[in-house]
Full PDB file with SEQRES, HELIX, SHEET, SSBOND, CRYST1, ORIGX, SCALE, CONECT and MASTER records, all heavy atoms in Angstrom:
SEQRES   1 A   36  LEU LEU THR GLY LEU GLY GLY LEU GLY MET LEU LEU ALA          
SEQRES   2 A   36  ALA VAL GLY ILE TYR GLY VAL MET SER SER PHE VAL GLU          
SEQRES   3 A   36  ARG ARG ILE PRO GLU MET GLY VAL ARG LEU                      
HELIX    1 AA1 LEU A    2  ARG A   27  1                                  26    
HELIX    2 AA2 ILE A   29  ARG A   35  1                                   7    
CRYST1    1.000    1.000    1.000  90.00  90.00  90.00 P 1           1          
ORIGX1      1.000000  0.000000  0.000000        0.00000                         
ORIGX2      0.000000  1.000000  0.000000        0.00000                         
ORIGX3      0.000000  0.000000  1.000000        0.00000                         
SCALE1      1.000000  0.000000  0.000000        0.00000                         
SCALE2      0.000000  1.000000  0.000000        0.00000                         
SCALE3      0.000000  0.000000  1.000000        0.00000                         
ATOM      1  N   LEU A   1     106.189 276.279  20.733  1.00  0.00           N  
ATOM      2  CA  LEU A   1     106.406 276.330  19.284  1.00  0.00           C  
ATOM      3  C   LEU A   1     107.802 275.846  18.921  1.00  0.00           C  
ATOM      4  O   LEU A   1     107.968 275.013  18.011  1.00  0.00           O  
ATOM      5  CB  LEU A   1     106.195 277.766  18.800  1.00  0.00           C  
ATOM      6  CG  LEU A   1     106.405 278.012  17.302  1.00  0.00           C  
ATOM      7  CD1 LEU A   1     105.427 277.191  16.484  1.00  0.00           C  
ATOM      8  CD2 LEU A   1     106.265 279.495  16.970  1.00  0.00           C  
ATOM      9  N   LEU A   2     108.814 276.348  19.628  1.00  0.00           N  
ATOM     10  CA  LEU A   2     110.182 275.939  19.321  1.00  0.00           C  
ATOM     11  C   LEU A   2     110.410 274.470  19.648  1.00  0.00           C  
ATOM     12  O   LEU A   2     111.116 273.766  18.912  1.00  0.00           O  
ATOM     13  CB  LEU A   2     111.171 276.813  20.103  1.00  0.00           C  
ATOM     14  CG  LEU A   2     111.244 278.281  19.692  1.00  0.00           C  
ATOM     15  CD1 LEU A   2     112.269 279.023  20.545  1.00  0.00           C  
ATOM     16  CD2 LEU A   2     111.602 278.417  18.223  1.00  0.00           C  
ATOM     17  N   THR A   3     109.815 273.992  20.737  1.00  0.00           N  
ATOM     18  CA  THR A   3     109.961 272.575  21.085  1.00  0.00           C  
ATOM     19  C   THR A   3     109.315 271.694  20.023  1.00  0.00           C  
ATOM     20  O   THR A   3     109.874 270.663  19.617  1.00  0.00           O  
ATOM     21  CB  THR A   3     109.328 272.298  22.457  1.00  0.00           C  
ATOM     22  OG1 THR A   3     109.961 273.104  23.445  1.00  0.00           O  
ATOM     23  CG2 THR A   3     109.483 270.829  22.831  1.00  0.00           C  
ATOM     24  N   GLY A   4     108.118 272.100  19.560  1.00  0.00           N  
ATOM     25  CA  GLY A   4     107.449 271.329  18.521  1.00  0.00           C  
ATOM     26  C   GLY A   4     108.233 271.296  17.225  1.00  0.00           C  
ATOM     27  O   GLY A   4     108.388 270.229  16.591  1.00  0.00           O  
ATOM     28  N   LEU A   5     108.767 272.457  16.816  1.00  0.00           N  
ATOM     29  CA  LEU A   5     109.552 272.505  15.583  1.00  0.00           C  
ATOM     30  C   LEU A   5     110.840 271.696  15.726  1.00  0.00           C  
ATOM     31  O   LEU A   5     111.260 271.002  14.788  1.00  0.00           O  
ATOM     32  CB  LEU A   5     109.868 273.954  15.222  1.00  0.00           C  
ATOM     33  CG  LEU A   5     108.680 274.822  14.786  1.00  0.00           C  
ATOM     34  CD1 LEU A   5     109.120 276.263  14.564  1.00  0.00           C  
ATOM     35  CD2 LEU A   5     108.054 274.263  13.515  1.00  0.00           C  
ATOM     36  N   GLY A   6     111.468 271.798  16.896  1.00  0.00           N  
ATOM     37  CA  GLY A   6     112.684 271.019  17.119  1.00  0.00           C  
ATOM     38  C   GLY A   6     112.410 269.528  17.105  1.00  0.00           C  
ATOM     39  O   GLY A   6     113.167 268.746  16.523  1.00  0.00           O  
ATOM     40  N   GLY A   7     111.314 269.115  17.763  1.00  0.00           N  
ATOM     41  CA  GLY A   7     110.958 267.695  17.758  1.00  0.00           C  
ATOM     42  C   GLY A   7     110.624 267.188  16.371  1.00  0.00           C  
ATOM     43  O   GLY A   7     111.011 266.069  15.982  1.00  0.00           O  
ATOM     44  N   LEU A   8     109.912 268.005  15.581  1.00  0.00           N  
ATOM     45  CA  LEU A   8     109.587 267.608  14.208  1.00  0.00           C  
ATOM     46  C   LEU A   8     110.855 267.477  13.369  1.00  0.00           C  
ATOM     47  O   LEU A   8     110.993 266.527  12.577  1.00  0.00           O  
ATOM     48  CB  LEU A   8     108.646 268.640  13.591  1.00  0.00           C  
ATOM     49  CG  LEU A   8     108.219 268.386  12.137  1.00  0.00           C  
ATOM     50  CD1 LEU A   8     107.475 267.055  12.018  1.00  0.00           C  
ATOM     51  CD2 LEU A   8     107.357 269.538  11.633  1.00  0.00           C  
ATOM     52  N   GLY A   9     111.772 268.427  13.536  1.00  0.00           N  
ATOM     53  CA  GLY A   9     113.026 268.352  12.784  1.00  0.00           C  
ATOM     54  C   GLY A   9     113.821 267.109  13.134  1.00  0.00           C  
ATOM     55  O   GLY A   9     114.386 266.440  12.248  1.00  0.00           O  
ATOM     56  N   MET A  10     113.871 266.762  14.431  1.00  0.00           N  
ATOM     57  CA  MET A  10     114.611 265.571  14.830  1.00  0.00           C  
ATOM     58  C   MET A  10     113.929 264.302  14.319  1.00  0.00           C  
ATOM     59  O   MET A  10     114.593 263.340  13.919  1.00  0.00           O  
ATOM     60  CB  MET A  10     114.742 265.524  16.351  1.00  0.00           C  
ATOM     61  CG  MET A  10     115.700 264.444  16.838  1.00  0.00           C  
ATOM     62  SD  MET A  10     115.988 264.535  18.620  1.00  0.00           S  
ATOM     63  CE  MET A  10     114.350 264.179  19.233  1.00  0.00           C  
ATOM     64  N   LEU A  11     112.584 264.294  14.313  1.00  0.00           N  
ATOM     65  CA  LEU A  11     111.858 263.136  13.794  1.00  0.00           C  
ATOM     66  C   LEU A  11     112.143 262.939  12.313  1.00  0.00           C  
ATOM     67  O   LEU A  11     112.385 261.804  11.859  1.00  0.00           O  
ATOM     68  CB  LEU A  11     110.357 263.319  14.034  1.00  0.00           C  
ATOM     69  CG  LEU A  11     109.445 262.214  13.481  1.00  0.00           C  
ATOM     70  CD1 LEU A  11     109.769 260.880  14.157  1.00  0.00           C  
ATOM     71  CD2 LEU A  11     107.980 262.581  13.684  1.00  0.00           C  
ATOM     72  N   LEU A  12     112.131 264.029  11.550  1.00  0.00           N  
ATOM     73  CA  LEU A  12     112.423 263.929  10.122  1.00  0.00           C  
ATOM     74  C   LEU A  12     113.851 263.441   9.890  1.00  0.00           C  
ATOM     75  O   LEU A  12     114.105 262.638   8.971  1.00  0.00           O  
ATOM     76  CB  LEU A  12     112.213 265.287   9.452  1.00  0.00           C  
ATOM     77  CG  LEU A  12     110.764 265.791   9.382  1.00  0.00           C  
ATOM     78  CD1 LEU A  12     110.714 267.196   8.800  1.00  0.00           C  
ATOM     79  CD2 LEU A  12     109.917 264.839   8.544  1.00  0.00           C  
ATOM     80  N   ALA A  13     114.783 263.935  10.715  1.00  0.00           N  
ATOM     81  CA  ALA A  13     116.174 263.483  10.586  1.00  0.00           C  
ATOM     82  C   ALA A  13     116.301 261.993  10.894  1.00  0.00           C  
ATOM     83  O   ALA A  13     116.997 261.249  10.185  1.00  0.00           O  
ATOM     84  CB  ALA A  13     117.066 264.301  11.513  1.00  0.00           C  
ATOM     85  N   ALA A  14     115.603 261.523  11.941  1.00  0.00           N  
ATOM     86  CA  ALA A  14     115.667 260.107  12.301  1.00  0.00           C  
ATOM     87  C   ALA A  14     115.059 259.232  11.219  1.00  0.00           C  
ATOM     88  O   ALA A  14     115.604 258.164  10.864  1.00  0.00           O  
ATOM     89  CB  ALA A  14     114.951 259.882  13.633  1.00  0.00           C  
ATOM     90  N   VAL A  15     113.924 259.676  10.668  1.00  0.00           N  
ATOM     91  CA  VAL A  15     113.299 258.915   9.584  1.00  0.00           C  
ATOM     92  C   VAL A  15     114.219 258.873   8.364  1.00  0.00           C  
ATOM     93  O   VAL A  15     114.346 257.850   7.684  1.00  0.00           O  
ATOM     94  CB  VAL A  15     111.928 259.523   9.216  1.00  0.00           C  
ATOM     95  CG1 VAL A  15     111.375 258.884   7.947  1.00  0.00           C  
ATOM     96  CG2 VAL A  15     110.954 259.339  10.367  1.00  0.00           C  
ATOM     97  N   GLY A  16     114.888 260.003   8.088  1.00  0.00           N  
ATOM     98  CA  GLY A  16     115.816 260.038   6.960  1.00  0.00           C  
ATOM     99  C   GLY A  16     116.985 259.083   7.158  1.00  0.00           C  
ATOM    100  O   GLY A  16     117.379 258.365   6.228  1.00  0.00           O  
ATOM    101  N   ILE A  17     117.545 259.075   8.369  1.00  0.00           N  
ATOM    102  CA  ILE A  17     118.652 258.155   8.652  1.00  0.00           C  
ATOM    103  C   ILE A  17     118.199 256.714   8.506  1.00  0.00           C  
ATOM    104  O   ILE A  17     118.896 255.873   7.912  1.00  0.00           O  
ATOM    105  CB  ILE A  17     119.206 258.407  10.070  1.00  0.00           C  
ATOM    106  CG1 ILE A  17     119.852 259.793  10.141  1.00  0.00           C  
ATOM    107  CG2 ILE A  17     120.214 257.328  10.456  1.00  0.00           C  
ATOM    108  CD1 ILE A  17     120.276 260.185  11.541  1.00  0.00           C  
ATOM    109  N   TYR A  18     117.026 256.415   9.033  1.00  0.00           N  
ATOM    110  CA  TYR A  18     116.505 255.051   8.945  1.00  0.00           C  
ATOM    111  C   TYR A  18     116.309 254.636   7.482  1.00  0.00           C  
ATOM    112  O   TYR A  18     116.668 253.522   7.081  1.00  0.00           O  
ATOM    113  CB  TYR A  18     115.186 254.944   9.697  1.00  0.00           C  
ATOM    114  CG  TYR A  18     114.494 253.609   9.529  1.00  0.00           C  
ATOM    115  CD1 TYR A  18     114.925 252.491  10.243  1.00  0.00           C  
ATOM    116  CD2 TYR A  18     113.434 253.466   8.647  1.00  0.00           C  
ATOM    117  CE1 TYR A  18     114.314 251.258  10.077  1.00  0.00           C  
ATOM    118  CE2 TYR A  18     112.808 252.243   8.485  1.00  0.00           C  
ATOM    119  CZ  TYR A  18     113.252 251.146   9.193  1.00  0.00           C  
ATOM    120  OH  TYR A  18     112.639 249.930   9.031  1.00  0.00           O  
ATOM    121  N   GLY A  19     115.733 255.535   6.678  1.00  0.00           N  
ATOM    122  CA  GLY A  19     115.501 255.199   5.277  1.00  0.00           C  
ATOM    123  C   GLY A  19     116.791 254.973   4.515  1.00  0.00           C  
ATOM    124  O   GLY A  19     116.911 254.011   3.731  1.00  0.00           O  
ATOM    125  N   VAL A  20     117.764 255.856   4.722  1.00  0.00           N  
ATOM    126  CA  VAL A  20     119.043 255.727   4.019  1.00  0.00           C  
ATOM    127  C   VAL A  20     119.760 254.445   4.428  1.00  0.00           C  
ATOM    128  O   VAL A  20     120.279 253.702   3.576  1.00  0.00           O  
ATOM    129  CB  VAL A  20     119.928 256.959   4.281  1.00  0.00           C  
ATOM    130  CG1 VAL A  20     121.339 256.737   3.759  1.00  0.00           C  
ATOM    131  CG2 VAL A  20     119.327 258.194   3.633  1.00  0.00           C  
ATOM    132  N   MET A  21     119.780 254.157   5.736  1.00  0.00           N  
ATOM    133  CA  MET A  21     120.485 252.962   6.199  1.00  0.00           C  
ATOM    134  C   MET A  21     119.756 251.692   5.802  1.00  0.00           C  
ATOM    135  O   MET A  21     120.388 250.658   5.519  1.00  0.00           O  
ATOM    136  CB  MET A  21     120.664 253.023   7.720  1.00  0.00           C  
ATOM    137  CG  MET A  21     121.554 254.165   8.181  1.00  0.00           C  
ATOM    138  SD  MET A  21     123.091 254.317   7.257  1.00  0.00           S  
ATOM    139  CE  MET A  21     123.844 252.717   7.570  1.00  0.00           C  
ATOM    140  N   SER A  22     118.427 251.730   5.758  1.00  0.00           N  
ATOM    141  CA  SER A  22     117.690 250.551   5.287  1.00  0.00           C  
ATOM    142  C   SER A  22     118.027 250.267   3.835  1.00  0.00           C  
ATOM    143  O   SER A  22     118.237 249.101   3.440  1.00  0.00           O  
ATOM    144  CB  SER A  22     116.182 250.780   5.439  1.00  0.00           C  
ATOM    145  OG  SER A  22     115.824 250.870   6.794  1.00  0.00           O  
ATOM    146  N   SER A  23     118.096 251.318   3.005  1.00  0.00           N  
ATOM    147  CA  SER A  23     118.471 251.130   1.599  1.00  0.00           C  
ATOM    148  C   SER A  23     119.900 250.625   1.474  1.00  0.00           C  
ATOM    149  O   SER A  23     120.202 249.754   0.654  1.00  0.00           O  
ATOM    150  CB  SER A  23     118.306 252.461   0.853  1.00  0.00           C  
ATOM    151  OG  SER A  23     118.735 252.354  -0.475  1.00  0.00           O  
ATOM    152  N   PHE A  24     120.779 251.160   2.341  1.00  0.00           N  
ATOM    153  CA  PHE A  24     122.178 250.736   2.328  1.00  0.00           C  
ATOM    154  C   PHE A  24     122.305 249.250   2.671  1.00  0.00           C  
ATOM    155  O   PHE A  24     123.017 248.487   1.991  1.00  0.00           O  
ATOM    156  CB  PHE A  24     122.967 251.590   3.314  1.00  0.00           C  
ATOM    157  CG  PHE A  24     124.349 251.093   3.609  1.00  0.00           C  
ATOM    158  CD1 PHE A  24     125.379 251.303   2.714  1.00  0.00           C  
ATOM    159  CD2 PHE A  24     124.619 250.415   4.791  1.00  0.00           C  
ATOM    160  CE1 PHE A  24     126.661 250.831   2.979  1.00  0.00           C  
ATOM    161  CE2 PHE A  24     125.894 249.952   5.074  1.00  0.00           C  
ATOM    162  CZ  PHE A  24     126.921 250.167   4.161  1.00  0.00           C  
ATOM    163  N   VAL A  25     121.617 248.822   3.712  1.00  0.00           N  
ATOM    164  CA  VAL A  25     121.678 247.416   4.133  1.00  0.00           C  
ATOM    165  C   VAL A  25     121.073 246.518   3.066  1.00  0.00           C  
ATOM    166  O   VAL A  25     121.611 245.446   2.753  1.00  0.00           O  
ATOM    167  CB  VAL A  25     120.958 247.234   5.483  1.00  0.00           C  
ATOM    168  CG1 VAL A  25     120.812 245.748   5.822  1.00  0.00           C  
ATOM    169  CG2 VAL A  25     121.712 247.957   6.598  1.00  0.00           C  
ATOM    170  N   GLU A  26     119.950 246.941   2.466  1.00  0.00           N  
ATOM    171  CA  GLU A  26     119.291 246.138   1.449  1.00  0.00           C  
ATOM    172  C   GLU A  26     120.210 245.894   0.253  1.00  0.00           C  
ATOM    173  O   GLU A  26     120.273 244.786  -0.289  1.00  0.00           O  
ATOM    174  CB  GLU A  26     118.005 246.844   0.992  1.00  0.00           C  
ATOM    175  CG  GLU A  26     117.178 246.057  -0.002  1.00  0.00           C  
ATOM    176  CD  GLU A  26     116.568 244.814   0.601  1.00  0.00           C  
ATOM    177  OE1 GLU A  26     116.399 244.765   1.837  1.00  0.00           O  
ATOM    178  OE2 GLU A  26     116.273 243.869  -0.173  1.00  0.00           O  
ATOM    179  N   ARG A  27     120.936 246.927  -0.162  1.00  0.00           N  
ATOM    180  CA  ARG A  27     121.819 246.788  -1.319  1.00  0.00           C  
ATOM    181  C   ARG A  27     123.056 245.968  -1.001  1.00  0.00           C  
ATOM    182  O   ARG A  27     123.670 245.394  -1.907  1.00  0.00           O  
ATOM    183  CB  ARG A  27     122.223 248.172  -1.829  1.00  0.00           C  
ATOM    184  CG  ARG A  27     121.098 248.913  -2.544  1.00  0.00           C  
ATOM    185  CD  ARG A  27     121.557 250.233  -3.154  1.00  0.00           C  
ATOM    186  NE  ARG A  27     121.852 251.253  -2.159  1.00  0.00           N  
ATOM    187  CZ  ARG A  27     123.079 251.625  -1.813  1.00  0.00           C  
ATOM    188  NH1 ARG A  27     124.123 251.041  -2.384  1.00  0.00           N  
ATOM    189  NH2 ARG A  27     123.277 252.554  -0.895  1.00  0.00           N  
ATOM    190  N   ARG A  28     123.435 245.916   0.271  1.00  0.00           N  
ATOM    191  CA  ARG A  28     124.673 245.226   0.616  1.00  0.00           C  
ATOM    192  C   ARG A  28     124.429 243.890   1.307  1.00  0.00           C  
ATOM    193  O   ARG A  28     125.363 243.310   1.878  1.00  0.00           O  
ATOM    194  CB  ARG A  28     125.516 246.125   1.519  1.00  0.00           C  
ATOM    195  CG  ARG A  28     125.970 247.406   0.819  1.00  0.00           C  
ATOM    196  CD  ARG A  28     126.990 248.146   1.631  1.00  0.00           C  
ATOM    197  NE  ARG A  28     128.173 247.330   1.903  1.00  0.00           N  
ATOM    198  CZ  ARG A  28     129.191 247.727   2.661  1.00  0.00           C  
ATOM    199  NH1 ARG A  28     129.139 248.919   3.240  1.00  0.00           N  
ATOM    200  NH2 ARG A  28     130.236 246.955   2.875  1.00  0.00           N  
ATOM    201  N   ILE A  29     123.210 243.386   1.240  1.00  0.00           N  
ATOM    202  CA  ILE A  29     122.920 242.083   1.837  1.00  0.00           C  
ATOM    203  C   ILE A  29     123.809 240.979   1.250  1.00  0.00           C  
ATOM    204  O   ILE A  29     124.378 240.167   2.016  1.00  0.00           O  
ATOM    205  CB  ILE A  29     121.428 241.728   1.666  1.00  0.00           C  
ATOM    206  CG1 ILE A  29     120.579 242.523   2.677  1.00  0.00           C  
ATOM    207  CG2 ILE A  29     121.179 240.234   1.854  1.00  0.00           C  
ATOM    208  CD1 ILE A  29     120.782 242.096   4.111  1.00  0.00           C  
ATOM    209  N   PRO A  30     123.965 240.903  -0.077  1.00  0.00           N  
ATOM    210  CA  PRO A  30     124.864 239.853  -0.607  1.00  0.00           C  
ATOM    211  C   PRO A  30     126.291 239.987  -0.084  1.00  0.00           C  
ATOM    212  O   PRO A  30     126.931 238.989   0.261  1.00  0.00           O  
ATOM    213  CB  PRO A  30     124.796 240.073  -2.114  1.00  0.00           C  
ATOM    214  CG  PRO A  30     123.472 240.708  -2.339  1.00  0.00           C  
ATOM    215  CD  PRO A  30     123.261 241.606  -1.167  1.00  0.00           C  
ATOM    216  N   GLU A  31     126.796 241.223  -0.039  1.00  0.00           N  
ATOM    217  CA  GLU A  31     128.158 241.423   0.458  1.00  0.00           C  
ATOM    218  C   GLU A  31     128.277 240.981   1.912  1.00  0.00           C  
ATOM    219  O   GLU A  31     129.269 240.340   2.306  1.00  0.00           O  
ATOM    220  CB  GLU A  31     128.536 242.892   0.313  1.00  0.00           C  
ATOM    221  CG  GLU A  31     129.884 243.235   0.935  1.00  0.00           C  
ATOM    222  CD  GLU A  31     130.097 244.735   1.076  1.00  0.00           C  
ATOM    223  OE1 GLU A  31     129.484 245.507   0.332  1.00  0.00           O  
ATOM    224  OE2 GLU A  31     130.896 245.111   1.962  1.00  0.00           O  
ATOM    225  N   MET A  32     127.255 241.342   2.696  1.00  0.00           N  
ATOM    226  CA  MET A  32     127.293 240.953   4.112  1.00  0.00           C  
ATOM    227  C   MET A  32     127.201 239.443   4.254  1.00  0.00           C  
ATOM    228  O   MET A  32     127.803 238.849   5.166  1.00  0.00           O  
ATOM    229  CB  MET A  32     126.147 241.639   4.858  1.00  0.00           C  
ATOM    230  CG  MET A  32     126.282 243.148   4.935  1.00  0.00           C  
ATOM    231  SD  MET A  32     124.858 243.932   5.746  1.00  0.00           S  
ATOM    232  CE  MET A  32     125.298 245.657   5.604  1.00  0.00           C  
ATOM    233  N   GLY A  33     126.433 238.810   3.370  1.00  0.00           N  
ATOM    234  CA  GLY A  33     126.357 237.347   3.399  1.00  0.00           C  
ATOM    235  C   GLY A  33     127.705 236.715   3.141  1.00  0.00           C  
ATOM    236  O   GLY A  33     128.087 235.724   3.792  1.00  0.00           O  
ATOM    237  N   VAL A  34     128.459 237.268   2.188  1.00  0.00           N  
ATOM    238  CA  VAL A  34     129.795 236.752   1.904  1.00  0.00           C  
ATOM    239  C   VAL A  34     130.705 236.926   3.110  1.00  0.00           C  
ATOM    240  O   VAL A  34     131.445 236.010   3.493  1.00  0.00           O  
ATOM    241  CB  VAL A  34     130.389 237.474   0.670  1.00  0.00           C  
ATOM    242  CG1 VAL A  34     131.858 237.093   0.479  1.00  0.00           C  
ATOM    243  CG2 VAL A  34     129.599 237.137  -0.576  1.00  0.00           C  
ATOM    244  N   ARG A  35     130.654 238.080   3.727  1.00  0.00           N  
ATOM    245  CA  ARG A  35     131.505 238.341   4.887  1.00  0.00           C  
ATOM    246  C   ARG A  35     131.161 237.400   6.035  1.00  0.00           C  
ATOM    247  O   ARG A  35     132.063 236.876   6.718  1.00  0.00           O  
ATOM    248  CB  ARG A  35     131.337 239.793   5.332  1.00  0.00           C  
ATOM    249  CG  ARG A  35     131.859 240.806   4.325  1.00  0.00           C  
ATOM    250  CD  ARG A  35     131.584 242.224   4.758  1.00  0.00           C  
ATOM    251  NE  ARG A  35     132.258 242.547   6.025  1.00  0.00           N  
ATOM    252  CZ  ARG A  35     132.107 243.694   6.670  1.00  0.00           C  
ATOM    253  NH1 ARG A  35     131.285 244.615   6.183  1.00  0.00           N  
ATOM    254  NH2 ARG A  35     132.737 243.907   7.799  1.00  0.00           N  
ATOM    255  N   LEU A  36     129.868 237.172   6.251  1.00  0.00           N  
ATOM    256  CA  LEU A  36     129.470 236.244   7.314  1.00  0.00           C  
ATOM    257  C   LEU A  36     129.899 234.820   6.987  1.00  0.00           C  
ATOM    258  O   LEU A  36     130.309 234.057   7.877  1.00  0.00           O  
ATOM    259  CB  LEU A  36     127.956 236.319   7.527  1.00  0.00           C  
ATOM    260  CG  LEU A  36     127.413 237.626   8.128  1.00  0.00           C  
ATOM    261  CD1 LEU A  36     125.895 237.641   8.096  1.00  0.00           C  
ATOM    262  CD2 LEU A  36     127.909 237.808   9.566  1.00  0.00           C  
TER     263      LEU A  36                                                      
MASTER        0    0    0    2    0    0    0    6  262    1    0    3          
END                                                                             
């Protein structure tokens, strides 16, 4: 039970990080293009 809850919590955290960073990269694509 604890392993399952811990794994679910880590999965939700990873999905959250991925979503936030994807939104961050999407909004800053023009800026990154300028830097490149």
